[in-house]
PDB file of N, CA and C in Angstrom:
ATOM      1  N   MET A   1     -26.439  69.302 -15.433  1.00  0.00           N
ATOM      2  CA  MET A   1     -25.034  69.147 -15.747  1.00  0.00           C
ATOM      3  C   MET A   1     -24.203  68.783 -14.538  1.00  0.00           C
ATOM      4  N   GLY A   2     -24.705  69.256 -13.348  1.00  0.00           N
ATOM      5  CA  GLY A   2     -24.039  68.984 -12.161  1.00  0.00           C
ATOM      6  C   GLY A   2     -23.987  67.471 -11.932  1.00  0.00           C
ATOM      7  N   GLY A   3     -25.092  66.800 -12.267  1.00  0.00           N
ATOM      8  CA  GLY A   3     -25.211  65.296 -12.078  1.00  0.00           C
ATOM      9  C   GLY A   3     -24.251  64.572 -12.703  1.00  0.00           C
ATOM     10  N   VAL A   4     -23.968  65.110 -14.102  1.00  0.00           N
ATOM     11  CA  VAL A   4     -22.850  64.424 -14.902  1.00  0.00           C
ATOM     12  C   VAL A   4     -21.539  64.389 -14.214  1.00  0.00           C
ATOM     13  N   VAL A   5     -21.178  65.687 -13.824  1.00  0.00           N
ATOM     14  CA  VAL A   5     -19.854  65.942 -13.162  1.00  0.00           C
ATOM     15  C   VAL A   5     -19.784  64.916 -11.915  1.00  0.00           C
ATOM     16  N   GLU A   6     -20.823  65.008 -11.096  1.00  0.00           N
ATOM     17  CA  GLU A   6     -20.833  64.252  -9.827  1.00  0.00           C
ATOM     18  C   GLU A   6     -20.664  62.734 -10.194  1.00  0.00           C
ATOM     19  N   LEU A   7     -21.306  62.289 -11.214  1.00  0.00           N
ATOM     20  CA  LEU A   7     -21.151  60.834 -11.639  1.00  0.00           C
ATOM     21  C   LEU A   7     -19.885  60.504 -12.073  1.00  0.00           C
ATOM     22  N   TRP A   8     -19.298  61.368 -12.770  1.00  0.00           N
ATOM     23  CA  TRP A   8     -17.842  61.263 -13.233  1.00  0.00           C
ATOM     24  C   TRP A   8     -16.973  61.102 -12.208  1.00  0.00           C
ATOM     25  N   VAL A   9     -16.955  61.948 -11.146  1.00  0.00           N
ATOM     26  CA  VAL A   9     -16.159  61.953 -10.053  1.00  0.00           C
ATOM     27  C   VAL A   9     -16.235  60.650  -9.260  1.00  0.00           C
ATOM     28  N   VAL A  10     -17.610  60.168  -9.091  1.00  0.00           N
ATOM     29  CA  VAL A  10     -17.740  58.817  -8.355  1.00  0.00           C
ATOM     30  C   VAL A  10     -17.225  57.644  -9.147  1.00  0.00           C
ATOM     31  N   MET A  11     -17.344  57.698 -10.448  1.00  0.00           N
ATOM     32  CA  MET A  11     -16.756  56.554 -11.296  1.00  0.00           C
ATOM     33  C   MET A  11     -15.332  56.677 -11.254  1.00  0.00           C
ATOM     34  N   LEU A  12     -14.630  57.845 -11.214  1.00  0.00           N
ATOM     35  CA  LEU A  12     -13.328  57.953 -11.091  1.00  0.00           C
ATOM     36  C   LEU A  12     -12.704  57.416  -9.802  1.00  0.00           C
ATOM     37  N   LEU A  13     -13.346  57.669  -8.705  1.00  0.00           N
ATOM     38  CA  LEU A  13     -13.085  57.162  -7.443  1.00  0.00           C
ATOM     39  C   LEU A  13     -13.128  55.493  -7.412  1.00  0.00           C
ATOM     40  N   ILE A  14     -14.180  55.038  -8.001  1.00  0.00           N
ATOM     41  CA  ILE A  14     -14.465  53.597  -8.113  1.00  0.00           C
ATOM     42  C   ILE A  14     -13.202  52.893  -8.916  1.00  0.00           C
ATOM     43  N   ALA A  15     -12.876  53.541  -9.975  1.00  0.00           N
ATOM     44  CA  ALA A  15     -11.826  53.019 -10.892  1.00  0.00           C
ATOM     45  C   ALA A  15     -10.655  53.145 -10.180  1.00  0.00           C
ATOM     46  N   ALA A  16     -10.259  54.217  -9.413  1.00  0.00           N
ATOM     47  CA  ALA A  16      -9.046  54.332  -8.607  1.00  0.00           C
ATOM     48  C   ALA A  16      -9.020  53.121  -7.655  1.00  0.00           C
ATOM     49  N   ALA A  17     -10.016  52.894  -6.921  1.00  0.00           N
ATOM     50  CA  ALA A  17     -10.070  51.698  -5.990  1.00  0.00           C
ATOM     51  C   ALA A  17      -9.838  50.372  -6.629  1.00  0.00           C
ATOM     52  N   ALA A  18     -10.445  50.157  -7.841  1.00  0.00           N
ATOM     53  CA  ALA A  18     -10.388  49.000  -8.542  1.00  0.00           C
ATOM     54  C   ALA A  18      -8.903  48.678  -8.960  1.00  0.00           C
ATOM     55  N   PHE A  19      -8.316  49.643  -9.515  1.00  0.00           N
ATOM     56  CA  PHE A  19      -7.067  49.519 -10.062  1.00  0.00           C
ATOM     57  C   PHE A  19      -5.909  49.774  -9.027  1.00  0.00           C
ATOM     58  N   ALA A  20      -6.103  50.102  -7.810  1.00  0.00           N
ATOM     59  CA  ALA A  20      -5.076  50.288  -6.756  1.00  0.00           C
ATOM     60  C   ALA A  20      -4.281  49.089  -6.608  1.00  0.00           C
ATOM     61  N   PRO A  21      -4.737  47.912  -6.349  1.00  0.00           N
ATOM     62  CA  PRO A  21      -3.879  46.622  -6.244  1.00  0.00           C
ATOM     63  C   PRO A  21      -2.985  46.359  -7.366  1.00  0.00           C
ATOM     64  N   LEU A  22      -3.565  46.525  -8.547  1.00  0.00           N
ATOM     65  CA  LEU A  22      -2.581  46.450  -9.845  1.00  0.00           C
ATOM     66  C   LEU A  22      -1.471  47.581  -9.716  1.00  0.00           C
ATOM     67  N   GLY A  23      -1.789  48.667  -9.381  1.00  0.00           N
ATOM     68  CA  GLY A  23      -0.852  49.756  -9.297  1.00  0.00           C
ATOM     69  C   GLY A  23       0.371  49.343  -8.209  1.00  0.00           C
ATOM     70  N   TYR A  24      -0.189  48.858  -7.049  1.00  0.00           N
ATOM     71  CA  TYR A  24       0.817  48.586  -5.912  1.00  0.00           C
ATOM     72  C   TYR A  24       1.671  47.403  -6.478  1.00  0.00           C
ATOM     73  N   PHE A  25       1.047  46.359  -7.136  1.00  0.00           N
ATOM     74  CA  PHE A  25       1.931  45.215  -7.638  1.00  0.00           C
ATOM     75  C   PHE A  25       3.037  45.820  -8.603  1.00  0.00           C
ATOM     76  N   ILE A  26       2.604  46.685  -9.525  1.00  0.00           N
ATOM     77  CA  ILE A  26       3.601  47.207 -10.363  1.00  0.00           C
ATOM     78  C   ILE A  26       4.648  47.954  -9.653  1.00  0.00           C
ATOM     79  N   TYR A  27       4.334  48.800  -8.734  1.00  0.00           N
ATOM     80  CA  TYR A  27       5.297  49.574  -8.002  1.00  0.00           C
ATOM     81  C   TYR A  27       6.229  48.551  -7.347  1.00  0.00           C
ATOM     82  N   THR A  28       5.653  47.519  -6.612  1.00  0.00           N
ATOM     83  CA  THR A  28       6.591  46.675  -5.827  1.00  0.00           C
ATOM     84  C   THR A  28       7.440  45.740  -6.754  1.00  0.00           C
ATOM     85  N   PHE A  29       6.932  45.421  -7.912  1.00  0.00           N
ATOM     86  CA  PHE A  29       7.664  44.758  -8.889  1.00  0.00           C
ATOM     87  C   PHE A  29       8.772  45.417  -9.436  1.00  0.00           C
ATOM     88  N   THR A  30       8.590  46.615  -9.794  1.00  0.00           N
ATOM     89  CA  THR A  30       9.810  47.534 -10.241  1.00  0.00           C
ATOM     90  C   THR A  30      10.696  48.017  -9.186  1.00  0.00           C
ATOM     91  N   LYS A  31      10.193  48.045  -7.910  1.00  0.00           N
ATOM     92  CA  LYS A  31      11.098  48.555  -6.818  1.00  0.00           C
ATOM     93  C   LYS A  31      11.976  47.378  -6.363  1.00  0.00           C
ATOM     94  N   ALA A  32      11.571  46.220  -6.367  1.00  0.00           N
ATOM     95  CA  ALA A  32      12.271  45.078  -5.963  1.00  0.00           C
ATOM     96  C   ALA A  32      13.079  44.386  -7.006  1.00  0.00           C
ATOM     97  N   ASN A  33      13.624  45.100  -7.928  1.00  0.00           N
ATOM     98  CA  ASN A  33      14.487  44.720  -8.985  1.00  0.00           C
ATOM     99  C   ASN A  33      13.812  43.523  -9.789  1.00  0.00           C
ATOM    100  N   ALA A  34      12.496  43.669 -10.126  1.00  0.00           N
ATOM    101  CA  ALA A  34      11.683  42.763 -10.807  1.00  0.00           C
ATOM    102  C   ALA A  34      11.532  41.299 -10.024  1.00  0.00           C
ATOM    103  N   LYS A  35      11.600  41.321  -8.750  1.00  0.00           N
ATOM    104  CA  LYS A  35      11.376  40.273  -7.871  1.00  0.00           C
ATOM    105  C   LYS A  35      10.444  40.594  -6.734  1.00  0.00           C
ATOM    106  N   PRO A  36       9.128  40.745  -6.978  1.00  0.00           N
ATOM    107  CA  PRO A  36       8.198  41.216  -5.953  1.00  0.00           C
ATOM    108  C   PRO A  36       7.940  40.183  -4.831  1.00  0.00           C
ATOM    109  N   PHE A  37       8.103  38.929  -5.122  1.00  0.00           N
ATOM    110  CA  PHE A  37       7.909  37.908  -4.117  1.00  0.00           C
ATOM    111  C   PHE A  37       9.113  37.314  -3.562  1.00  0.00           C
ATOM    112  N   GLY A  38      10.392  37.862  -3.734  1.00  0.00           N
ATOM    113  CA  GLY A  38      11.573  37.487  -3.187  1.00  0.00           C
ATOM    114  C   GLY A  38      12.034  36.190  -3.979  1.00  0.00           C
ATOM    115  N   GLU A  39      12.924  35.428  -3.318  1.00  0.00           N
ATOM    116  CA  GLU A  39      13.552  34.281  -3.987  1.00  0.00           C
ATOM    117  C   GLU A  39      12.604  33.269  -3.845  1.00  0.00           C
ATOM    118  N   ILE A  40      12.004  32.589  -4.875  1.00  0.00           N
ATOM    119  CA  ILE A  40      11.066  31.507  -4.645  1.00  0.00           C
ATOM    120  C   ILE A  40      11.665  30.160  -5.395  1.00  0.00           C
ATOM    121  N   GLU A  41      12.810  30.388  -6.006  1.00  0.00           N
ATOM    122  CA  GLU A  41      13.451  29.206  -6.654  1.00  0.00           C
ATOM    123  C   GLU A  41      14.554  28.667  -5.713  1.00  0.00           C
ATOM    124  N   PRO A  42      14.689  27.333  -5.464  1.00  0.00           N
ATOM    125  CA  PRO A  42      15.709  26.886  -4.676  1.00  0.00           C
ATOM    126  C   PRO A  42      17.180  27.107  -5.363  1.00  0.00           C
ATOM    127  N   HIS A  43      18.154  27.353  -4.708  1.00  0.00           N
ATOM    128  CA  HIS A  43      19.514  27.445  -5.224  1.00  0.00           C
ATOM    129  C   HIS A  43      20.447  26.510  -4.407  1.00  0.00           C
ATOM    130  N   GLY A  44      21.070  25.693  -5.362  1.00  0.00           N
ATOM    131  CA  GLY A  44      22.074  24.775  -4.725  1.00  0.00           C
ATOM    132  C   GLY A  44      21.364  23.671  -3.815  1.00  0.00           C
ATOM    133  N   ASP A  45      21.770  23.572  -2.584  1.00  0.00           N
ATOM    134  CA  ASP A  45      21.383  22.554  -1.623  1.00  0.00           C
ATOM    135  C   ASP A  45      20.111  22.759  -0.907  1.00  0.00           C
ATOM    136  N   SER A  46      19.536  23.908  -1.024  1.00  0.00           N
ATOM    137  CA  SER A  46      18.456  24.315  -0.227  1.00  0.00           C
ATOM    138  C   SER A  46      17.166  23.651  -0.765  1.00  0.00           C
ATOM    139  N   PRO A  47      16.392  22.806   0.128  1.00  0.00           N
ATOM    140  CA  PRO A  47      15.378  22.138  -0.243  1.00  0.00           C
ATOM    141  C   PRO A  47      14.078  22.961  -0.611  1.00  0.00           C
ATOM    142  N   SER A  48      13.198  22.641  -1.418  1.00  0.00           N
ATOM    143  CA  SER A  48      12.032  23.359  -1.720  1.00  0.00           C
ATOM    144  C   SER A  48      10.834  22.320  -1.465  1.00  0.00           C
ATOM    145  N   VAL A  49       9.992  22.919  -0.506  1.00  0.00           N
ATOM    146  CA  VAL A  49       8.708  22.173  -0.049  1.00  0.00           C
ATOM    147  C   VAL A  49       7.785  22.050  -1.363  1.00  0.00           C
ATOM    148  N   VAL A  50       7.744  23.083  -2.077  1.00  0.00           N
ATOM    149  CA  VAL A  50       6.741  23.096  -3.212  1.00  0.00           C
ATOM    150  C   VAL A  50       7.319  22.206  -4.250  1.00  0.00           C
ATOM    151  N   ASN A  51       8.577  22.008  -4.629  1.00  0.00           N
ATOM    152  CA  ASN A  51       9.066  21.104  -5.572  1.00  0.00           C
ATOM    153  C   ASN A  51       9.008  19.610  -5.112  1.00  0.00           C
ATOM    154  N   ASP A  52       9.158  19.289  -3.729  1.00  0.00           N
ATOM    155  CA  ASP A  52       8.932  17.986  -3.244  1.00  0.00           C
ATOM    156  C   ASP A  52       7.599  17.601  -3.325  1.00  0.00           C
ATOM    157  N   PHE A  53       6.576  18.429  -2.994  1.00  0.00           N
ATOM    158  CA  PHE A  53       5.170  18.114  -3.044  1.00  0.00           C
ATOM    159  C   PHE A  53       4.741  17.963  -4.523  1.00  0.00           C
ATOM    160  N   ALA A  54       5.279  18.775  -5.400  1.00  0.00           N
ATOM    161  CA  ALA A  54       4.897  18.492  -6.876  1.00  0.00           C
ATOM    162  C   ALA A  54       5.497  17.104  -7.330  1.00  0.00           C
ATOM    163  N   GLU A  55       6.623  16.749  -7.033  1.00  0.00           N
ATOM    164  CA  GLU A  55       7.251  15.548  -7.277  1.00  0.00           C
ATOM    165  C   GLU A  55       6.345  14.357  -6.839  1.00  0.00           C
ATOM    166  N   LYS A  56       5.975  14.557  -5.620  1.00  0.00           N
ATOM    167  CA  LYS A  56       5.169  13.516  -4.976  1.00  0.00           C
ATOM    168  C   LYS A  56       3.922  13.325  -5.754  1.00  0.00           C
ATOM    169  N   ALA A  57       3.384  14.399  -6.063  1.00  0.00           N
ATOM    170  CA  ALA A  57       1.958  14.395  -6.687  1.00  0.00           C
ATOM    171  C   ALA A  57       2.025  13.915  -8.005  1.00  0.00           C
ATOM    172  N   ILE A  58       3.162  14.109  -8.823  1.00  0.00           N
ATOM    173  CA  ILE A  58       3.289  13.657 -10.088  1.00  0.00           C
ATOM    174  C   ILE A  58       3.669  12.125  -9.994  1.00  0.00           C
ATOM    175  N   LYS A  59       4.308  11.619  -9.201  1.00  0.00           N
ATOM    176  CA  LYS A  59       4.572  10.229  -8.994  1.00  0.00           C
ATOM    177  C   LYS A  59       3.337   9.507  -8.566  1.00  0.00           C
ATOM    178  N   TYR A  60       2.495  10.011  -7.624  1.00  0.00           N
ATOM    179  CA  TYR A  60       1.243   9.461  -7.406  1.00  0.00           C
ATOM    180  C   TYR A  60       0.363   9.319  -8.560  1.00  0.00           C
ATOM    181  N   VAL A  61       0.187  10.370  -9.305  1.00  0.00           N
ATOM    182  CA  VAL A  61      -0.758  10.286 -10.583  1.00  0.00           C
ATOM    183  C   VAL A  61      -0.183   9.320 -11.471  1.00  0.00           C
ATOM    184  N   GLN A  62       1.295   9.173 -11.708  1.00  0.00           N
ATOM    185  CA  GLN A  62       1.729   8.243 -12.681  1.00  0.00           C
ATOM    186  C   GLN A  62       1.566   6.882 -12.131  1.00  0.00           C
ATOM    187  N   GLY A  63       1.565   6.664 -10.759  1.00  0.00           N
ATOM    188  CA  GLY A  63       1.343   5.276 -10.226  1.00  0.00           C
ATOM    189  C   GLY A  63      -0.110   4.993 -10.499  1.00  0.00           C
ATOM    190  N   LEU A  64      -1.073   5.812 -10.336  1.00  0.00           N
ATOM    191  CA  LEU A  64      -2.451   5.689 -10.602  1.00  0.00           C
ATOM    192  C   LEU A  64      -2.712   5.182 -12.111  1.00  0.00           C
ATOM    193  N   LEU A  65      -1.989   6.055 -12.884  1.00  0.00           N
ATOM    194  CA  LEU A  65      -2.276   5.732 -14.454  1.00  0.00           C
ATOM    195  C   LEU A  65      -1.573   4.537 -14.771  1.00  0.00           C
ATOM    196  N   GLY A  66      -0.382   4.113 -14.178  1.00  0.00           N
ATOM    197  CA  GLY A  66       0.127   2.859 -14.547  1.00  0.00           C
ATOM    198  C   GLY A  66      -0.429   1.467 -14.063  1.00  0.00           C
ATOM    199  N   LYS A  67      -1.322   1.665 -13.087  1.00  0.00           N
ATOM    200  CA  LYS A  67      -2.102   0.560 -12.606  1.00  0.00           C
ATOM    201  C   LYS A  67      -3.294   0.239 -13.499  1.00  0.00           C
ATOM    202  N   LYS A  68      -3.711   1.134 -14.285  1.00  0.00           N
ATOM    203  CA  LYS A  68      -4.843   0.749 -15.138  1.00  0.00           C
ATOM    204  C   LYS A  68      -4.537   0.126 -16.509  1.00  0.00           C
TER     205      LYS A  68
END
């Protein structure tokens, strides 16, 4: 019977380690007013490198498809 309890404790520790990142994410998400990564959308005149890159990639693919 001691082996079963020992195995249960080990499995509980493994599960706690596996779900710790999820728990931290949920904690951060609820703590930062549902914005864990900060402001990632551009507002007003602020440029966005991600949006610029996405626009260039879309135009490049459209150019490749238009040549065929």
